Amino acid sequence: MYQSNAAAPASDTRPVATMCGVAADFWTLTKPEVNFLIVIATFTGFYLACPSNLEPFPITRLFHALCGTLLVASGTATLNQYLEYPFDAKMRRTCRRPIAAGRLRPATGALFGILLSIIGAVYLFIAINALASVLAVTTLTSYLFLYTPLKRKTPLCTVIGAVPGAMPPLIGWAAASGSISNEKAWILYAVLFLWQFPHFMAIAWMYREDYNRAGYLIFPKKREGSFWAWLTCAPSFALFIVSLAAVSANTGGILQYAATVIAGSGLLYYATRQILLSSKPAARQLLKATIVYLPLEFLILVLGKS
């Protein structure tokens, strides 16, 4: 009698546990950690594009812009994992992803990604405007059909991938103003474009054996060190300059300039340290520095808006 009563809960909870696991896998496919930074970048573009004297602030429009952008970004992340699951399975860093690990069928992941992408693009078109939708779709297509296949063909894929990767501020700007002709929008784009290099180079150095195992040409076969150093140092220094230009374009005050100099100097320190040491611990510290830098710099710009 006791045994039969004890067996019932285990049988009853098994489907619930399975459903939770599947839901967690679908959530993982969307790469929520990346989406967090996309939300920050899109919000910054939207907020800075809004006129300072606009009352009330268009919070509903902002919500629609963020939702639509997140849907397309989540669809892009999911479809990327669908396209790369045979290679993800060869890498320690990615072998536990839902499709690569076999927990979700590739066709299921592809359908999920397509639905998210279409719903997001249509949502932006209806709730915001055609420009925001076109920018989001351009990001998706260039990322999946240009950057993704080039990762196995040329080390220049990092430069090419940074082009769609920097699109979120432009989507936010387009959502707020209906245009991206303002130079401030493109300065924001440049900030995110340049930021991606030290960020990704830190990851690439930490997992370069993984990338080699999967056949990704992140680094050239010859002069690997100099290629990696240039793509870490030069964009980091350029990011320092462009971030100051962003503060200037935003008519920020002395506090915004000081905060940007401190943040930029910190990032340059960790970038230089990694170049000199060429170690995984230094690369991990550089990665953490980039993750702190981007939200901090965008916060400086938002708070400094006049």
C-alpha atoms as a PDB file:
ATOM      1  CA  MET A   1       0.000   0.000   0.000  1.00  0.00           C
ATOM      2  CA  TYR A   2       2.804   2.388   0.924  1.00  0.00           C
ATOM      3  CA  GLN A   3       4.716   1.523  -2.249  1.00  0.00           C
ATOM      4  CA  SER A   4       1.749   2.160  -4.524  1.00  0.00           C
ATOM      5  CA  ASN A   5       1.150   5.554  -2.945  1.00  0.00           C
ATOM      6  CA  ALA A   6       4.815   6.464  -3.258  1.00  0.00           C
ATOM      7  CA  ALA A   7       4.951   5.501  -6.920  1.00  0.00           C
ATOM      8  CA  ALA A   8       2.159   7.821  -7.989  1.00  0.00           C
ATOM      9  CA  PRO A   9       3.963  11.178  -7.514  1.00  0.00           C
ATOM     10  CA  ALA A  10       6.986   9.999  -9.502  1.00  0.00           C
ATOM     11  CA  SER A  11       4.776   8.988 -12.399  1.00  0.00           C
ATOM     12  CA  ASP A  12       2.758  12.195 -12.182  1.00  0.00           C
ATOM     13  CA  THR A  13       5.738  14.536 -12.083  1.00  0.00           C
ATOM     14  CA  ARG A  14       7.676  12.941 -14.926  1.00  0.00           C
ATOM     15  CA  PRO A  15       5.718  14.668 -17.741  1.00  0.00           C
ATOM     16  CA  VAL A  16       5.996  17.989 -15.922  1.00  0.00           C
ATOM     17  CA  ALA A  17       9.749  17.574 -15.580  1.00  0.00           C
ATOM     18  CA  THR A  18      10.028  16.648 -19.263  1.00  0.00           C
ATOM     19  CA  MET A  19       8.005  19.685 -20.320  1.00  0.00           C
ATOM     20  CA  CYS A  20      10.180  21.928 -18.180  1.00  0.00           C
ATOM     21  CA  GLY A  21      13.278  20.460 -19.796  1.00  0.00           C
ATOM     22  CA  VAL A  22      11.954  21.034 -23.303  1.00  0.00           C
ATOM     23  CA  ALA A  23      10.940  24.596 -22.422  1.00  0.00           C
ATOM     24  CA  ALA A  24      14.421  25.209 -21.042  1.00  0.00           C
ATOM     25  CA  ASP A  25      15.945  23.895 -24.274  1.00  0.00           C
ATOM     26  CA  PHE A  26      13.843  26.228 -26.412  1.00  0.00           C
ATOM     27  CA  TRP A  27      14.816  29.107 -24.107  1.00  0.00           C
ATOM     28  CA  THR A  28      18.487  28.161 -24.475  1.00  0.00           C
ATOM     29  CA  LEU A  29      18.184  28.220 -28.268  1.00  0.00           C
ATOM     30  CA  THR A  30      17.328  31.936 -28.131  1.00  0.00           C
ATOM     31  CA  LYS A  31      20.641  32.770 -26.367  1.00  0.00           C
ATOM     32  CA  PRO A  32      19.164  34.976 -23.604  1.00  0.00           C
ATOM     33  CA  GLU A  33      22.614  36.148 -22.476  1.00  0.00           C
ATOM     34  CA  VAL A  34      23.198  37.678 -25.917  1.00  0.00           C
ATOM     35  CA  ASN A  35      19.674  39.070 -26.046  1.00  0.00           C
ATOM     36  CA  PHE A  36      20.335  41.000 -22.851  1.00  0.00           C
ATOM     37  CA  LEU A  37      23.002  43.057 -24.630  1.00  0.00           C
ATOM     38  CA  ILE A  38      20.769  43.398 -27.698  1.00  0.00           C
ATOM     39  CA  VAL A  39      18.014  44.876 -25.526  1.00  0.00           C
ATOM     40  CA  ILE A  40      20.444  47.388 -24.028  1.00  0.00           C
ATOM     41  CA  ALA A  41      21.761  48.428 -27.450  1.00  0.00           C
ATOM     42  CA  THR A  42      18.280  48.720 -28.981  1.00  0.00           C
ATOM     43  CA  PHE A  43      16.996  50.704 -26.014  1.00  0.00           C
ATOM     44  CA  THR A  44      19.958  53.088 -26.218  1.00  0.00           C
ATOM     45  CA  GLY A  45      19.342  53.778 -29.899  1.00  0.00           C
ATOM     46  CA  PHE A  46      15.625  54.316 -29.279  1.00  0.00           C
ATOM     47  CA  TYR A  47      16.120  56.568 -26.255  1.00  0.00           C
ATOM     48  CA  LEU A  48      18.764  58.773 -27.849  1.00  0.00           C
ATOM     49  CA  ALA A  49      16.658  59.174 -31.006  1.00  0.00           C
ATOM     50  CA  CYS A  50      13.657  60.479 -29.067  1.00  0.00           C
ATOM     51  CA  PRO A  51      13.422  64.294 -28.787  1.00  0.00           C
ATOM     52  CA  SER A  52      14.292  65.515 -25.301  1.00  0.00           C
ATOM     53  CA  ASN A  53      11.102  67.564 -25.055  1.00  0.00           C
ATOM     54  CA  LEU A  54       8.841  64.654 -26.035  1.00  0.00           C
ATOM     55  CA  GLU A  55       6.110  64.184 -23.428  1.00  0.00           C
ATOM     56  CA  PRO A  56       5.110  61.610 -22.527  1.00  0.00           C
ATOM     57  CA  PHE A  57       7.933  59.204 -23.364  1.00  0.00           C
ATOM     58  CA  PRO A  58       6.658  56.628 -25.928  1.00  0.00           C
ATOM     59  CA  ILE A  59       6.965  53.638 -23.611  1.00  0.00           C
ATOM     60  CA  THR A  60       4.483  51.539 -25.618  1.00  0.00           C
ATOM     61  CA  ARG A  61       6.423  52.080 -28.837  1.00  0.00           C
ATOM     62  CA  LEU A  62       9.648  51.196 -27.023  1.00  0.00           C
ATOM     63  CA  PHE A  63       8.050  47.982 -25.760  1.00  0.00           C
ATOM     64  CA  HIS A  64       7.001  47.003 -29.279  1.00  0.00           C
ATOM     65  CA  ALA A  65      10.460  47.800 -30.642  1.00  0.00           C
ATOM     66  CA  LEU A  66      12.196  45.678 -28.008  1.00  0.00           C
ATOM     67  CA  CYS A  67       9.773  42.773 -28.405  1.00  0.00           C
ATOM     68  CA  GLY A  68      10.057  42.695 -32.184  1.00  0.00           C
ATOM     69  CA  THR A  69      13.846  42.980 -32.116  1.00  0.00           C
ATOM     70  CA  LEU A  70      14.110  40.239 -29.491  1.00  0.00           C
ATOM     71  CA  LEU A  71      11.937  37.902 -31.536  1.00  0.00           C
ATOM     72  CA  VAL A  72      14.097  38.331 -34.645  1.00  0.00           C
ATOM     73  CA  ALA A  73      17.303  38.060 -32.609  1.00  0.00           C
ATOM     74  CA  SER A  74      16.029  34.888 -30.935  1.00  0.00           C
ATOM     75  CA  GLY A  75      15.085  33.439 -34.310  1.00  0.00           C
ATOM     76  CA  THR A  76      18.520  34.273 -35.677  1.00  0.00           C
ATOM     77  CA  ALA A  77      20.257  32.607 -32.724  1.00  0.00           C
ATOM     78  CA  THR A  78      18.091  29.508 -33.087  1.00  0.00           C
ATOM     79  CA  LEU A  79      18.636  29.187 -36.840  1.00  0.00           C
ATOM     80  CA  ASN A  80      22.368  29.696 -36.345  1.00  0.00           C
ATOM     81  CA  GLN A  81      22.437  26.718 -33.999  1.00  0.00           C
ATOM     82  CA  TYR A  82      20.408  24.713 -36.506  1.00  0.00           C
ATOM     83  CA  LEU A  83      22.896  25.476 -39.291  1.00  0.00           C
ATOM     84  CA  GLU A  84      25.934  24.752 -37.140  1.00  0.00           C
ATOM     85  CA  TYR A  85      24.801  21.844 -34.950  1.00  0.00           C
ATOM     86  CA  PRO A  86      27.163  19.277 -36.581  1.00  0.00           C
ATOM     87  CA  PHE A  87      30.096  21.548 -35.756  1.00  0.00           C
ATOM     88  CA  ASP A  88      28.759  22.571 -32.345  1.00  0.00           C
ATOM     89  CA  ALA A  89      28.754  18.883 -31.432  1.00  0.00           C
ATOM     90  CA  LYS A  90      32.554  18.785 -31.917  1.00  0.00           C
ATOM     91  CA  MET A  91      33.250  21.677 -29.534  1.00  0.00           C
ATOM     92  CA  ARG A  92      33.331  21.381 -25.756  1.00  0.00           C
ATOM     93  CA  ARG A  93      31.935  24.898 -25.460  1.00  0.00           C
ATOM     94  CA  THR A  94      28.832  24.162 -27.547  1.00  0.00           C
ATOM     95  CA  CYS A  95      28.302  20.384 -27.505  1.00  0.00           C
ATOM     96  CA  ARG A  96      25.587  20.664 -24.844  1.00  0.00           C
ATOM     97  CA  ARG A  97      23.411  22.979 -26.895  1.00  0.00           C
ATOM     98  CA  PRO A  98      19.943  21.455 -27.408  1.00  0.00           C
ATOM     99  CA  ILE A  99      20.252  20.526 -31.094  1.00  0.00           C
ATOM    100  CA  ALA A 100      23.933  19.568 -30.983  1.00  0.00           C
ATOM    101  CA  ALA A 101      23.321  17.330 -27.959  1.00  0.00           C
ATOM    102  CA  GLY A 102      20.334  15.666 -29.627  1.00  0.00           C
ATOM    103  CA  ARG A 103      17.744  16.839 -27.112  1.00  0.00           C
ATOM    104  CA  LEU A 104      15.845  18.651 -29.878  1.00  0.00           C
ATOM    105  CA  ARG A 105      15.495  17.525 -33.471  1.00  0.00           C
ATOM    106  CA  PRO A 106      17.136  19.817 -36.050  1.00  0.00           C
ATOM    107  CA  ALA A 107      13.821  20.231 -37.880  1.00  0.00           C
ATOM    108  CA  THR A 108      12.150  21.304 -34.639  1.00  0.00           C
ATOM    109  CA  GLY A 109      14.830  23.908 -34.028  1.00  0.00           C
ATOM    110  CA  ALA A 110      14.603  25.169 -37.600  1.00  0.00           C
ATOM    111  CA  LEU A 111      10.823  25.540 -37.416  1.00  0.00           C
ATOM    112  CA  PHE A 112      11.082  27.342 -34.078  1.00  0.00           C
ATOM    113  CA  GLY A 113      13.686  29.745 -35.455  1.00  0.00           C
ATOM    114  CA  ILE A 114      11.716  30.452 -38.632  1.00  0.00           C
ATOM    115  CA  LEU A 115       8.531  31.165 -36.671  1.00  0.00           C
ATOM    116  CA  LEU A 116      10.314  33.513 -34.267  1.00  0.00           C
ATOM    117  CA  SER A 117      11.973  35.373 -37.143  1.00  0.00           C
ATOM    118  CA  ILE A 118       8.805  35.785 -39.221  1.00  0.00           C
ATOM    119  CA  ILE A 119       6.685  36.821 -36.238  1.00  0.00           C
ATOM    120  CA  GLY A 120       9.338  39.320 -35.139  1.00  0.00           C
ATOM    121  CA  ALA A 121       9.740  40.864 -38.584  1.00  0.00           C
ATOM    122  CA  VAL A 122       5.984  41.168 -39.126  1.00  0.00           C
ATOM    123  CA  TYR A 123       5.553  42.508 -35.591  1.00  0.00           C
ATOM    124  CA  LEU A 124       8.102  45.265 -36.230  1.00  0.00           C
ATOM    125  CA  PHE A 125       6.521  46.086 -39.583  1.00  0.00           C
ATOM    126  CA  ILE A 126       3.017  46.429 -38.107  1.00  0.00           C
ATOM    127  CA  ALA A 127       3.755  47.856 -34.667  1.00  0.00           C
ATOM    128  CA  ILE A 128       6.738  50.075 -35.567  1.00  0.00           C
ATOM    129  CA  ASN A 129       7.636  50.746 -39.206  1.00  0.00           C
ATOM    130  CA  ALA A 130       9.013  49.149 -42.345  1.00  0.00           C
ATOM    131  CA  LEU A 131      12.555  50.469 -41.797  1.00  0.00           C
ATOM    132  CA  ALA A 132      12.960  48.771 -38.413  1.00  0.00           C
ATOM    133  CA  SER A 133      11.634  45.535 -39.894  1.00  0.00           C
ATOM    134  CA  VAL A 134      13.958  45.712 -42.919  1.00  0.00           C
ATOM    135  CA  LEU A 135      16.973  46.360 -40.686  1.00  0.00           C
ATOM    136  CA  ALA A 136      16.094  43.370 -38.523  1.00  0.00           C
ATOM    137  CA  VAL A 137      15.629  41.090 -41.529  1.00  0.00           C
ATOM    138  CA  THR A 138      18.883  42.358 -43.053  1.00  0.00           C
ATOM    139  CA  THR A 139      20.647  41.506 -39.824  1.00  0.00           C
ATOM    140  CA  LEU A 140      19.192  37.994 -39.843  1.00  0.00           C
ATOM    141  CA  THR A 141      19.978  37.199 -43.474  1.00  0.00           C
ATOM    142  CA  SER A 142      23.509  38.607 -43.470  1.00  0.00           C
ATOM    143  CA  TYR A 143      24.333  36.821 -40.219  1.00  0.00           C
ATOM    144  CA  LEU A 144      22.984  33.445 -41.291  1.00  0.00           C
ATOM    145  CA  PHE A 145      23.853  33.394 -44.990  1.00  0.00           C
ATOM    146  CA  LEU A 146      27.051  35.442 -45.082  1.00  0.00           C
ATOM    147  CA  TYR A 147      28.820  35.400 -41.730  1.00  0.00           C
ATOM    148  CA  THR A 148      27.909  31.834 -40.677  1.00  0.00           C
ATOM    149  CA  PRO A 149      29.258  30.010 -43.776  1.00  0.00           C
ATOM    150  CA  LEU A 150      32.320  32.270 -43.960  1.00  0.00           C
ATOM    151  CA  LYS A 151      33.420  31.119 -40.484  1.00  0.00           C
ATOM    152  CA  ARG A 152      34.711  27.960 -42.149  1.00  0.00           C
ATOM    153  CA  LYS A 153      36.303  29.760 -45.105  1.00  0.00           C
ATOM    154  CA  THR A 154      38.157  32.905 -43.981  1.00  0.00           C
ATOM    155  CA  PRO A 155      39.400  34.586 -40.786  1.00  0.00           C
ATOM    156  CA  LEU A 156      37.848  37.796 -42.119  1.00  0.00           C
ATOM    157  CA  CYS A 157      34.497  36.367 -41.024  1.00  0.00           C
ATOM    158  CA  THR A 158      34.932  38.274 -37.758  1.00  0.00           C
ATOM    159  CA  VAL A 159      34.963  41.599 -39.590  1.00  0.00           C
ATOM    160  CA  ILE A 160      32.006  40.586 -41.748  1.00  0.00           C
ATOM    161  CA  GLY A 161      30.013  39.304 -38.783  1.00  0.00           C
ATOM    162  CA  ALA A 162      30.491  42.558 -36.901  1.00  0.00           C
ATOM    163  CA  VAL A 163      28.455  44.383 -39.568  1.00  0.00           C
ATOM    164  CA  PRO A 164      25.086  42.757 -38.764  1.00  0.00           C
ATOM    165  CA  GLY A 165      26.123  42.367 -35.138  1.00  0.00           C
ATOM    166  CA  ALA A 166      26.133  46.148 -34.679  1.00  0.00           C
ATOM    167  CA  MET A 167      22.612  46.665 -36.046  1.00  0.00           C
ATOM    168  CA  PRO A 168      20.523  46.829 -32.794  1.00  0.00           C
ATOM    169  CA  PRO A 169      21.157  50.560 -32.105  1.00  0.00           C
ATOM    170  CA  LEU A 170      20.074  51.367 -35.664  1.00  0.00           C
ATOM    171  CA  ILE A 171      16.892  49.321 -35.221  1.00  0.00           C
ATOM    172  CA  GLY A 172      16.139  51.209 -32.029  1.00  0.00           C
ATOM    173  CA  TRP A 173      16.888  54.537 -33.712  1.00  0.00           C
ATOM    174  CA  ALA A 174      14.667  53.679 -36.680  1.00  0.00           C
ATOM    175  CA  ALA A 175      11.888  52.606 -34.339  1.00  0.00           C
ATOM    176  CA  ALA A 176      11.929  55.966 -32.560  1.00  0.00           C
ATOM    177  CA  SER A 177      12.506  58.332 -35.471  1.00  0.00           C
ATOM    178  CA  GLY A 178      11.664  56.450 -38.670  1.00  0.00           C
ATOM    179  CA  SER A 179      15.103  57.255 -40.089  1.00  0.00           C
ATOM    180  CA  ILE A 180      18.768  56.385 -39.611  1.00  0.00           C
ATOM    181  CA  SER A 181      20.219  59.401 -41.429  1.00  0.00           C
ATOM    182  CA  ASN A 182      21.344  61.104 -38.212  1.00  0.00           C
ATOM    183  CA  GLU A 183      25.115  60.821 -37.666  1.00  0.00           C
ATOM    184  CA  LYS A 184      24.521  60.030 -33.995  1.00  0.00           C
ATOM    185  CA  ALA A 185      22.865  56.770 -35.020  1.00  0.00           C
ATOM    186  CA  TRP A 186      25.948  55.726 -36.965  1.00  0.00           C
ATOM    187  CA  ILE A 187      28.294  56.687 -34.140  1.00  0.00           C
ATOM    188  CA  LEU A 188      26.308  54.319 -31.913  1.00  0.00           C
ATOM    189  CA  TYR A 189      26.611  51.707 -34.640  1.00  0.00           C
ATOM    190  CA  ALA A 190      30.383  52.241 -34.703  1.00  0.00           C
ATOM    191  CA  VAL A 191      30.604  51.790 -30.922  1.00  0.00           C
ATOM    192  CA  LEU A 192      28.934  48.385 -31.081  1.00  0.00           C
ATOM    193  CA  PHE A 193      30.787  47.416 -34.275  1.00  0.00           C
ATOM    194  CA  LEU A 194      34.204  48.037 -32.710  1.00  0.00           C
ATOM    195  CA  TRP A 195      33.271  46.559 -29.328  1.00  0.00           C
ATOM    196  CA  GLN A 196      32.669  43.157 -30.920  1.00  0.00           C
ATOM    197  CA  PHE A 197      36.345  42.662 -31.796  1.00  0.00           C
ATOM    198  CA  PRO A 198      37.946  42.573 -28.332  1.00  0.00           C
ATOM    199  CA  HIS A 199      34.862  40.715 -27.081  1.00  0.00           C
ATOM    200  CA  PHE A 200      35.017  37.956 -29.689  1.00  0.00           C
ATOM    201  CA  MET A 201      38.810  37.775 -29.827  1.00  0.00           C
ATOM    202  CA  ALA A 202      38.827  37.031 -26.095  1.00  0.00           C
ATOM    203  CA  ILE A 203      36.360  34.184 -26.674  1.00  0.00           C
ATOM    204  CA  ALA A 204      38.285  32.959 -29.716  1.00  0.00           C
ATOM    205  CA  TRP A 205      41.549  32.801 -27.772  1.00  0.00           C
ATOM    206  CA  MET A 206      39.945  30.943 -24.869  1.00  0.00           C
ATOM    207  CA  TYR A 207      38.399  28.329 -27.160  1.00  0.00           C
ATOM    208  CA  ARG A 208      40.760  28.310 -30.118  1.00  0.00           C
ATOM    209  CA  GLU A 209      41.338  24.530 -29.809  1.00  0.00           C
ATOM    210  CA  ASP A 210      37.585  24.048 -29.990  1.00  0.00           C
ATOM    211  CA  TYR A 211      37.300  26.204 -33.088  1.00  0.00           C
ATOM    212  CA  ASN A 212      40.129  24.317 -34.776  1.00  0.00           C
ATOM    213  CA  ARG A 213      38.487  20.997 -33.938  1.00  0.00           C
ATOM    214  CA  ALA A 214      35.244  22.121 -35.574  1.00  0.00           C
ATOM    215  CA  GLY A 215      37.030  23.509 -38.634  1.00  0.00           C
ATOM    216  CA  TYR A 216      36.369  27.198 -38.029  1.00  0.00           C
ATOM    217  CA  LEU A 217      38.962  29.539 -39.542  1.00  0.00           C
ATOM    218  CA  ILE A 218      38.852  32.165 -36.818  1.00  0.00           C
ATOM    219  CA  PHE A 219      42.608  32.693 -37.071  1.00  0.00           C
ATOM    220  CA  PRO A 220      44.836  32.362 -40.152  1.00  0.00           C
ATOM    221  CA  LYS A 221      47.084  29.326 -40.226  1.00  0.00           C
ATOM    222  CA  LYS A 222      50.103  31.609 -40.411  1.00  0.00           C
ATOM    223  CA  ARG A 223      50.718  34.667 -38.206  1.00  0.00           C
ATOM    224  CA  GLU A 224      47.923  33.696 -35.852  1.00  0.00           C
ATOM    225  CA  GLY A 225      49.346  35.806 -33.031  1.00  0.00           C
ATOM    226  CA  SER A 226      49.750  39.020 -34.995  1.00  0.00           C
ATOM    227  CA  PHE A 227      46.293  38.675 -36.586  1.00  0.00           C
ATOM    228  CA  TRP A 228      44.667  38.145 -33.196  1.00  0.00           C
ATOM    229  CA  ALA A 229      46.644  40.987 -31.592  1.00  0.00           C
ATOM    230  CA  TRP A 230      45.691  43.484 -34.291  1.00  0.00           C
ATOM    231  CA  LEU A 231      42.006  42.561 -34.137  1.00  0.00           C
ATOM    232  CA  THR A 232      42.110  43.028 -30.369  1.00  0.00           C
ATOM    233  CA  CYS A 233      44.226  46.148 -29.963  1.00  0.00           C
ATOM    234  CA  ALA A 234      43.335  48.370 -32.927  1.00  0.00           C
ATOM    235  CA  PRO A 235      39.528  48.131 -32.510  1.00  0.00           C
ATOM    236  CA  SER A 236      39.871  48.633 -28.736  1.00  0.00           C
ATOM    237  CA  PHE A 237      41.761  51.870 -29.271  1.00  0.00           C
ATOM    238  CA  ALA A 238      39.331  52.960 -31.982  1.00  0.00           C
ATOM    239  CA  LEU A 239      36.458  52.144 -29.612  1.00  0.00           C
ATOM    240  CA  PHE A 240      37.989  54.497 -27.044  1.00  0.00           C
ATOM    241  CA  ILE A 241      37.986  57.338 -29.593  1.00  0.00           C
ATOM    242  CA  VAL A 242      34.532  56.602 -31.003  1.00  0.00           C
ATOM    243  CA  SER A 243      33.032  56.383 -27.514  1.00  0.00           C
ATOM    244  CA  LEU A 244      34.337  59.887 -26.799  1.00  0.00           C
ATOM    245  CA  ALA A 245      32.840  61.003 -30.108  1.00  0.00           C
ATOM    246  CA  ALA A 246      29.512  59.502 -29.025  1.00  0.00           C
ATOM    247  CA  VAL A 247      29.610  61.541 -25.807  1.00  0.00           C
ATOM    248  CA  SER A 248      30.448  64.660 -27.810  1.00  0.00           C
ATOM    249  CA  ALA A 249      27.636  64.048 -30.322  1.00  0.00           C
ATOM    250  CA  ASN A 250      25.301  63.545 -27.392  1.00  0.00           C
ATOM    251  CA  THR A 251      26.482  66.889 -25.931  1.00  0.00           C
ATOM    252  CA  GLY A 252      27.531  65.189 -22.730  1.00  0.00           C
ATOM    253  CA  GLY A 253      29.172  67.005 -19.852  1.00  0.00           C
ATOM    254  CA  ILE A 254      32.474  66.587 -18.044  1.00  0.00           C
ATOM    255  CA  LEU A 255      31.163  63.669 -15.992  1.00  0.00           C
ATOM    256  CA  GLN A 256      30.257  61.704 -19.119  1.00  0.00           C
ATOM    257  CA  TYR A 257      33.674  62.379 -20.651  1.00  0.00           C
ATOM    258  CA  ALA A 258      35.433  61.351 -17.437  1.00  0.00           C
ATOM    259  CA  ALA A 259      33.396  58.164 -17.091  1.00  0.00           C
ATOM    260  CA  THR A 260      34.049  57.240 -20.728  1.00  0.00           C
ATOM    261  CA  VAL A 261      37.794  57.815 -20.339  1.00  0.00           C
ATOM    262  CA  ILE A 262      37.884  55.628 -17.223  1.00  0.00           C
ATOM    263  CA  ALA A 263      35.834  52.852 -18.833  1.00  0.00           C
ATOM    264  CA  GLY A 264      37.817  53.000 -22.079  1.00  0.00           C
ATOM    265  CA  SER A 265      41.146  53.015 -20.248  1.00  0.00           C
ATOM    266  CA  GLY A 266      40.083  49.941 -18.306  1.00  0.00           C
ATOM    267  CA  LEU A 267      39.183  48.075 -21.474  1.00  0.00           C
ATOM    268  CA  LEU A 268      42.451  49.098 -23.133  1.00  0.00           C
ATOM    269  CA  TYR A 269      44.351  47.862 -20.074  1.00  0.00           C
ATOM    270  CA  TYR A 270      42.814  44.395 -20.248  1.00  0.00           C
ATOM    271  CA  ALA A 271      43.210  44.246 -24.039  1.00  0.00           C
ATOM    272  CA  THR A 272      46.900  45.174 -23.783  1.00  0.00           C
ATOM    273  CA  ARG A 273      47.396  42.749 -20.906  1.00  0.00           C
ATOM    274  CA  GLN A 274      45.960  39.884 -22.928  1.00  0.00           C
ATOM    275  CA  ILE A 275      48.148  40.730 -25.918  1.00  0.00           C
ATOM    276  CA  LEU A 276      51.247  40.716 -23.736  1.00  0.00           C
ATOM    277  CA  LEU A 277      50.388  37.585 -21.739  1.00  0.00           C
ATOM    278  CA  SER A 278      48.474  35.622 -24.401  1.00  0.00           C
ATOM    279  CA  SER A 279      46.886  33.454 -21.733  1.00  0.00           C
ATOM    280  CA  LYS A 280      43.413  32.074 -21.094  1.00  0.00           C
ATOM    281  CA  PRO A 281      43.089  33.799 -17.686  1.00  0.00           C
ATOM    282  CA  ALA A 282      43.945  37.154 -19.286  1.00  0.00           C
ATOM    283  CA  ALA A 283      41.506  36.452 -22.128  1.00  0.00           C
ATOM    284  CA  ARG A 284      38.789  35.647 -19.587  1.00  0.00           C
ATOM    285  CA  GLN A 285      39.435  38.944 -17.824  1.00  0.00           C
ATOM    286  CA  LEU A 286      39.246  40.795 -21.142  1.00  0.00           C
ATOM    287  CA  LEU A 287      35.941  39.069 -21.883  1.00  0.00           C
ATOM    288  CA  LYS A 288      34.537  40.190 -18.536  1.00  0.00           C
ATOM    289  CA  ALA A 289      35.802  43.722 -19.184  1.00  0.00           C
ATOM    290  CA  THR A 290      33.969  43.880 -22.519  1.00  0.00           C
ATOM    291  CA  ILE A 291      30.742  42.620 -20.930  1.00  0.00           C
ATOM    292  CA  VAL A 292      30.965  45.380 -18.328  1.00  0.00           C
ATOM    293  CA  TYR A 293      32.053  48.068 -20.778  1.00  0.00           C
ATOM    294  CA  LEU A 294      29.185  48.006 -23.258  1.00  0.00           C
ATOM    295  CA  PRO A 295      26.236  48.419 -20.833  1.00  0.00           C
ATOM    296  CA  LEU A 296      28.280  50.976 -18.896  1.00  0.00           C
ATOM    297  CA  GLU A 297      29.059  53.092 -21.948  1.00  0.00           C
ATOM    298  CA  PHE A 298      25.469  52.996 -23.158  1.00  0.00           C
ATOM    299  CA  LEU A 299      24.315  53.972 -19.655  1.00  0.00           C
ATOM    300  CA  ILE A 300      26.707  56.937 -19.754  1.00  0.00           C
ATOM    301  CA  LEU A 301      25.205  58.059 -23.061  1.00  0.00           C
ATOM    302  CA  VAL A 302      21.626  57.640 -21.830  1.00  0.00           C
ATOM    303  CA  LEU A 303      22.265  59.554 -18.606  1.00  0.00           C
ATOM    304  CA  GLY A 304      24.142  62.265 -20.468  1.00  0.00           C
ATOM    305  CA  LYS A 305      21.402  62.977 -22.986  1.00  0.00           C
ATOM    306  CA  SER A 306      20.437  66.648 -22.936  1.00  0.00           C
END
